[in-house]
PDB file of N, CA and C in Angstrom:
ATOM      1  N   MET A   1      98.802 143.352 103.738  1.00  0.00           N
ATOM      2  CA  MET A   1      99.659 143.313 103.050  1.00  0.00           C
ATOM      3  C   MET A   1     100.370 144.822 102.588  1.00  0.00           C
ATOM      4  N   GLN A   2     101.522 145.085 102.902  1.00  0.00           N
ATOM      5  CA  GLN A   2     102.303 146.622 102.492  1.00  0.00           C
ATOM      6  C   GLN A   2     102.544 146.098 101.614  1.00  0.00           C
ATOM      7  N   ALA A   3     102.500 147.392 100.391  1.00  0.00           N
ATOM      8  CA  ALA A   3     103.340 147.522  99.299  1.00  0.00           C
ATOM      9  C   ALA A   3     103.508 149.155  98.819  1.00  0.00           C
ATOM     10  N   SER A   4     104.337 149.059  98.165  1.00  0.00           N
ATOM     11  CA  SER A   4     104.948 150.487  98.123  1.00  0.00           C
ATOM     12  C   SER A   4     105.299 150.590  96.161  1.00  0.00           C
ATOM     13  N   VAL A   5     105.343 151.606  95.912  1.00  0.00           N
ATOM     14  CA  VAL A   5     105.896 152.099  94.489  1.00  0.00           C
ATOM     15  C   VAL A   5     107.092 151.446  94.744  1.00  0.00           C
ATOM     16  N   GLY A   6     107.252 150.703  93.318  1.00  0.00           N
ATOM     17  CA  GLY A   6     108.486 149.734  93.082  1.00  0.00           C
ATOM     18  C   GLY A   6     108.766 148.673  93.432  1.00  0.00           C
ATOM     19  N   ASP A   7     107.640 148.282  94.460  1.00  0.00           N
ATOM     20  CA  ASP A   7     107.854 146.696  95.454  1.00  0.00           C
ATOM     21  C   ASP A   7     107.623 145.693  93.607  1.00  0.00           C
ATOM     22  N   ARG A   8     108.200 144.523  93.737  1.00  0.00           N
ATOM     23  CA  ARG A   8     107.525 143.203  92.718  1.00  0.00           C
ATOM     24  C   ARG A   8     106.787 142.676  93.522  1.00  0.00           C
ATOM     25  N   VAL A   9     105.858 141.822  92.994  1.00  0.00           N
ATOM     26  CA  VAL A   9     105.018 141.297  93.217  1.00  0.00           C
ATOM     27  C   VAL A   9     104.721 140.047  92.377  1.00  0.00           C
ATOM     28  N   VAL A  10     104.325 138.879  93.117  1.00  0.00           N
ATOM     29  CA  VAL A  10     104.384 137.714  92.600  1.00  0.00           C
ATOM     30  C   VAL A  10     102.803 136.905  93.030  1.00  0.00           C
ATOM     31  N   ILE A  11     102.537 136.556  91.867  1.00  0.00           N
ATOM     32  CA  ILE A  11     101.342 135.630  92.127  1.00  0.00           C
ATOM     33  C   ILE A  11     101.843 134.294  91.430  1.00  0.00           C
ATOM     34  N   HIS A  12     101.327 133.523  92.977  1.00  0.00           N
ATOM     35  CA  HIS A  12     101.295 132.040  92.558  1.00  0.00           C
ATOM     36  C   HIS A  12     100.405 130.916  91.132  1.00  0.00           C
ATOM     37  N   GLY A  13     100.756 130.681  90.796  1.00  0.00           N
ATOM     38  CA  GLY A  13      99.577 129.551  90.451  1.00  0.00           C
ATOM     39  C   GLY A  13      98.526 128.804  91.297  1.00  0.00           C
ATOM     40  N   ARG A  14      97.178 129.117  90.996  1.00  0.00           N
ATOM     41  CA  ARG A  14      96.173 128.168  92.014  1.00  0.00           C
ATOM     42  C   ARG A  14      96.233 126.816  92.106  1.00  0.00           C
ATOM     43  N   VAL A  15      96.719 125.844  90.897  1.00  0.00           N
ATOM     44  CA  VAL A  15      96.826 124.898  90.691  1.00  0.00           C
ATOM     45  C   VAL A  15      98.472 124.475  90.191  1.00  0.00           C
ATOM     46  N   VAL A  16      97.998 123.301  90.268  1.00  0.00           N
ATOM     47  CA  VAL A  16      99.673 123.247  90.158  1.00  0.00           C
ATOM     48  C   VAL A  16      99.691 122.815  88.159  1.00  0.00           C
ATOM     49  N   GLY A  17     101.083 122.962  88.322  1.00  0.00           N
ATOM     50  CA  GLY A  17     101.206 123.063  86.825  1.00  0.00           C
ATOM     51  C   GLY A  17     101.429 124.571  86.203  1.00  0.00           C
ATOM     52  N   ALA A  18     100.518 125.339  86.962  1.00  0.00           N
ATOM     53  CA  ALA A  18     100.138 127.198  86.716  1.00  0.00           C
ATOM     54  C   ALA A  18     101.531 127.726  87.081  1.00  0.00           C
ATOM     55  N   ALA A  19     101.159 128.383  85.446  1.00  0.00           N
ATOM     56  CA  ALA A  19     102.864 129.560  85.987  1.00  0.00           C
ATOM     57  C   ALA A  19     102.622 130.794  86.907  1.00  0.00           C
ATOM     58  N   GLU A  20     103.540 130.907  87.405  1.00  0.00           N
ATOM     59  CA  GLU A  20     103.466 132.252  88.211  1.00  0.00           C
ATOM     60  C   GLU A  20     103.564 133.514  87.222  1.00  0.00           C
ATOM     61  N   ARG A  21     102.969 134.687  87.958  1.00  0.00           N
ATOM     62  CA  ARG A  21     103.381 135.447  87.420  1.00  0.00           C
ATOM     63  C   ARG A  21     103.598 137.066  88.369  1.00  0.00           C
ATOM     64  N   ALA A  22     104.778 137.646  87.522  1.00  0.00           N
ATOM     65  CA  ALA A  22     105.719 138.866  88.260  1.00  0.00           C
ATOM     66  C   ALA A  22     105.171 140.167  87.711  1.00  0.00           C
ATOM     67  N   GLY A  23     105.203 140.857  88.794  1.00  0.00           N
ATOM     68  CA  GLY A  23     105.239 142.562  88.308  1.00  0.00           C
ATOM     69  C   GLY A  23     105.560 143.456  88.666  1.00  0.00           C
ATOM     70  N   GLU A  24     105.314 144.455  89.036  1.00  0.00           N
ATOM     71  CA  GLU A  24     106.372 145.845  89.999  1.00  0.00           C
ATOM     72  C   GLU A  24     104.624 146.752  89.830  1.00  0.00           C
ATOM     73  N   VAL A  25     104.387 147.417  91.438  1.00  0.00           N
ATOM     74  CA  VAL A  25     103.356 148.200  91.703  1.00  0.00           C
ATOM     75  C   VAL A  25     103.917 149.446  91.702  1.00  0.00           C
ATOM     76  N   ILE A  26     103.413 149.850  90.396  1.00  0.00           N
ATOM     77  CA  ILE A  26     103.361 151.012  89.990  1.00  0.00           C
ATOM     78  C   ILE A  26     102.747 152.572  90.476  1.00  0.00           C
ATOM     79  N   GLU A  27     101.263 151.843  91.036  1.00  0.00           N
ATOM     80  CA  GLU A  27     100.459 152.757  91.826  1.00  0.00           C
ATOM     81  C   GLU A  27      99.916 152.127  93.283  1.00  0.00           C
ATOM     82  N   VAL A  28      99.519 152.803  94.252  1.00  0.00           N
ATOM     83  CA  VAL A  28      98.878 152.209  95.595  1.00  0.00           C
ATOM     84  C   VAL A  28      97.474 153.041  95.116  1.00  0.00           C
ATOM     85  N   ARG A  29      96.235 152.279  95.107  1.00  0.00           N
ATOM     86  CA  ARG A  29      95.146 153.234  95.700  1.00  0.00           C
ATOM     87  C   ARG A  29      94.153 152.618  96.667  1.00  0.00           C
ATOM     88  N   GLY A  30      93.854 153.766  97.497  1.00  0.00           N
ATOM     89  CA  GLY A  30      93.384 153.434  98.885  1.00  0.00           C
ATOM     90  C   GLY A  30      94.154 153.460 100.035  1.00  0.00           C
ATOM     91  N   GLY A  31      93.863 153.118 101.382  1.00  0.00           N
ATOM     92  CA  GLY A  31      94.673 152.869 102.442  1.00  0.00           C
ATOM     93  C   GLY A  31      93.612 151.800 103.129  1.00  0.00           C
ATOM     94  N   GLY A  32      94.161 151.554 104.225  1.00  0.00           N
ATOM     95  CA  GLY A  32      93.441 150.638 105.108  1.00  0.00           C
ATOM     96  C   GLY A  32      94.240 149.076 104.627  1.00  0.00           C
ATOM     97  N   GLU A  33      93.495 148.368 105.077  1.00  0.00           N
ATOM     98  CA  GLU A  33      93.912 147.053 105.559  1.00  0.00           C
ATOM     99  C   GLU A  33      94.056 146.240 104.001  1.00  0.00           C
ATOM    100  N   SER A  34      93.246 146.892 102.836  1.00  0.00           N
ATOM    101  CA  SER A  34      93.594 146.530 101.828  1.00  0.00           C
ATOM    102  C   SER A  34      93.442 147.247 100.365  1.00  0.00           C
ATOM    103  N   PRO A  35      94.181 147.653 100.283  1.00  0.00           N
ATOM    104  CA  PRO A  35      94.768 148.806  98.933  1.00  0.00           C
ATOM    105  C   PRO A  35      94.519 148.125  97.910  1.00  0.00           C
ATOM    106  N   LEU A  36      94.137 148.414  96.705  1.00  0.00           N
ATOM    107  CA  LEU A  36      94.264 147.797  95.874  1.00  0.00           C
ATOM    108  C   LEU A  36      95.748 148.516  95.188  1.00  0.00           C
ATOM    109  N   LEU A  37      96.238 147.252  94.264  1.00  0.00           N
ATOM    110  CA  LEU A  37      97.745 147.798  93.421  1.00  0.00           C
ATOM    111  C   LEU A  37      97.851 148.090  92.168  1.00  0.00           C
ATOM    112  N   VAL A  38      98.264 149.028  91.687  1.00  0.00           N
ATOM    113  CA  VAL A  38      98.125 148.779  89.665  1.00  0.00           C
ATOM    114  C   VAL A  38      99.428 148.143  89.650  1.00  0.00           C
ATOM    115  N   VAL A  39      99.179 147.108  88.622  1.00  0.00           N
ATOM    116  CA  VAL A  39     100.312 146.495  88.677  1.00  0.00           C
ATOM    117  C   VAL A  39     101.161 146.404  87.433  1.00  0.00           C
ATOM    118  N   ARG A  40     102.219 146.687  86.876  1.00  0.00           N
ATOM    119  CA  ARG A  40     102.758 146.660  85.303  1.00  0.00           C
ATOM    120  C   ARG A  40     103.686 144.826  85.336  1.00  0.00           C
ATOM    121  N   PHE A  41     102.927 143.887  84.856  1.00  0.00           N
ATOM    122  CA  PHE A  41     103.453 142.629  84.400  1.00  0.00           C
ATOM    123  C   PHE A  41     104.823 142.517  84.266  1.00  0.00           C
ATOM    124  N   ASP A  42     105.402 141.579  84.018  1.00  0.00           N
ATOM    125  CA  ASP A  42     106.847 141.643  83.410  1.00  0.00           C
ATOM    126  C   ASP A  42     106.477 141.883  81.445  1.00  0.00           C
ATOM    127  N   ASP A  43     105.292 140.712  81.540  1.00  0.00           N
ATOM    128  CA  ASP A  43     104.606 141.295  80.043  1.00  0.00           C
ATOM    129  C   ASP A  43     104.166 142.674  79.561  1.00  0.00           C
ATOM    130  N   GLY A  44     104.137 143.696  79.894  1.00  0.00           N
ATOM    131  CA  GLY A  44     103.545 145.042  79.729  1.00  0.00           C
ATOM    132  C   GLY A  44     101.779 145.160  80.456  1.00  0.00           C
ATOM    133  N   HIS A  45     101.829 143.644  80.440  1.00  0.00           N
ATOM    134  CA  HIS A  45     100.020 144.312  80.967  1.00  0.00           C
ATOM    135  C   HIS A  45     100.098 144.786  81.935  1.00  0.00           C
ATOM    136  N   GLU A  46      99.058 145.759  82.697  1.00  0.00           N
ATOM    137  CA  GLU A  46      98.855 146.247  83.211  1.00  0.00           C
ATOM    138  C   GLU A  46      97.648 145.669  83.868  1.00  0.00           C
ATOM    139  N   ALA A  47      97.306 145.914  84.847  1.00  0.00           N
ATOM    140  CA  ALA A  47      95.963 145.537  86.054  1.00  0.00           C
ATOM    141  C   ALA A  47      95.851 146.214  87.216  1.00  0.00           C
ATOM    142  N   ILE A  48      94.632 146.307  87.716  1.00  0.00           N
ATOM    143  CA  ILE A  48      94.513 146.496  89.098  1.00  0.00           C
ATOM    144  C   ILE A  48      94.461 145.369  89.683  1.00  0.00           C
ATOM    145  N   LEU A  49      95.115 145.165  90.680  1.00  0.00           N
ATOM    146  CA  LEU A  49      95.150 144.088  91.518  1.00  0.00           C
ATOM    147  C   LEU A  49      94.680 144.433  93.597  1.00  0.00           C
ATOM    148  N   SER A  50      93.721 143.017  93.919  1.00  0.00           N
ATOM    149  CA  SER A  50      93.543 143.118  95.255  1.00  0.00           C
ATOM    150  C   SER A  50      94.358 141.596  95.666  1.00  0.00           C
ATOM    151  N   PRO A  51      95.482 142.110  96.580  1.00  0.00           N
ATOM    152  CA  PRO A  51      96.159 140.920  96.817  1.00  0.00           C
ATOM    153  C   PRO A  51      95.741 140.012  97.721  1.00  0.00           C
ATOM    154  N   GLY A  52      95.428 138.577  96.927  1.00  0.00           N
ATOM    155  CA  GLY A  52      94.772 137.964  98.680  1.00  0.00           C
ATOM    156  C   GLY A  52      95.918 136.749  98.660  1.00  0.00           C
ATOM    157  N   SER A  53      96.080 135.376  99.017  1.00  0.00           N
ATOM    158  CA  SER A  53      96.984 134.571  99.827  1.00  0.00           C
ATOM    159  C   SER A  53      97.733 134.260  98.531  1.00  0.00           C
ATOM    160  N   ASP A  54      97.029 134.293  97.228  1.00  0.00           N
ATOM    161  CA  ASP A  54      97.990 133.471  96.539  1.00  0.00           C
ATOM    162  C   ASP A  54      99.341 134.286  96.256  1.00  0.00           C
ATOM    163  N   CYS A  55      99.043 135.522  96.156  1.00  0.00           N
ATOM    164  CA  CYS A  55     100.107 136.859  96.182  1.00  0.00           C
ATOM    165  C   CYS A  55     101.704 137.510  97.004  1.00  0.00           C
ATOM    166  N   GLU A  56     102.707 137.773  96.545  1.00  0.00           N
ATOM    167  CA  GLU A  56     104.025 137.669  97.772  1.00  0.00           C
ATOM    168  C   GLU A  56     104.443 138.898  97.001  1.00  0.00           C
ATOM    169  N   VAL A  57     104.312 139.873  97.990  1.00  0.00           N
ATOM    170  CA  VAL A  57     105.177 141.085  98.008  1.00  0.00           C
ATOM    171  C   VAL A  57     106.909 141.274  98.467  1.00  0.00           C
ATOM    172  N   ARG A  58     107.469 141.500  97.300  1.00  0.00           N
ATOM    173  CA  ARG A  58     109.112 141.655  97.798  1.00  0.00           C
ATOM    174  C   ARG A  58     109.556 143.007  97.643  1.00  0.00           C
ATOM    175  N   HIS A  59     109.668 143.356  99.467  1.00  0.00           N
ATOM    176  CA  HIS A  59     109.567 144.666  99.019  1.00  0.00           C
ATOM    177  C   HIS A  59     111.257 145.264  98.007  1.00  0.00           C
ATOM    178  N   ALA A  60     111.178 146.614  97.311  1.00  0.00           N
ATOM    179  CA  ALA A  60     112.533 146.875  97.100  1.00  0.00           C
ATOM    180  C   ALA A  60     113.847 147.331  98.043  1.00  0.00           C
ATOM    181  N   SER A  61     114.352 146.969  97.324  1.00  0.00           N
ATOM    182  CA  SER A  61     115.196 147.659  99.250  1.00  0.00           C
ATOM    183  C   SER A  61     116.086 148.880  98.223  1.00  0.00           C
TER     184      SER A  61
END
């Protein structure tokens, strides 16, 4: 999964009824096939994310 600074990340709920979380990629750490993403979520929370199958990257245009 390729992501760049400024892209949006949406994490879909893993169970029925779970809310989605969305945020902006503010840093990409590492390279290769599975880099870590530093994400600032819309609620202001920041986290290091290893994208999985429940994660969608929406590229900035």
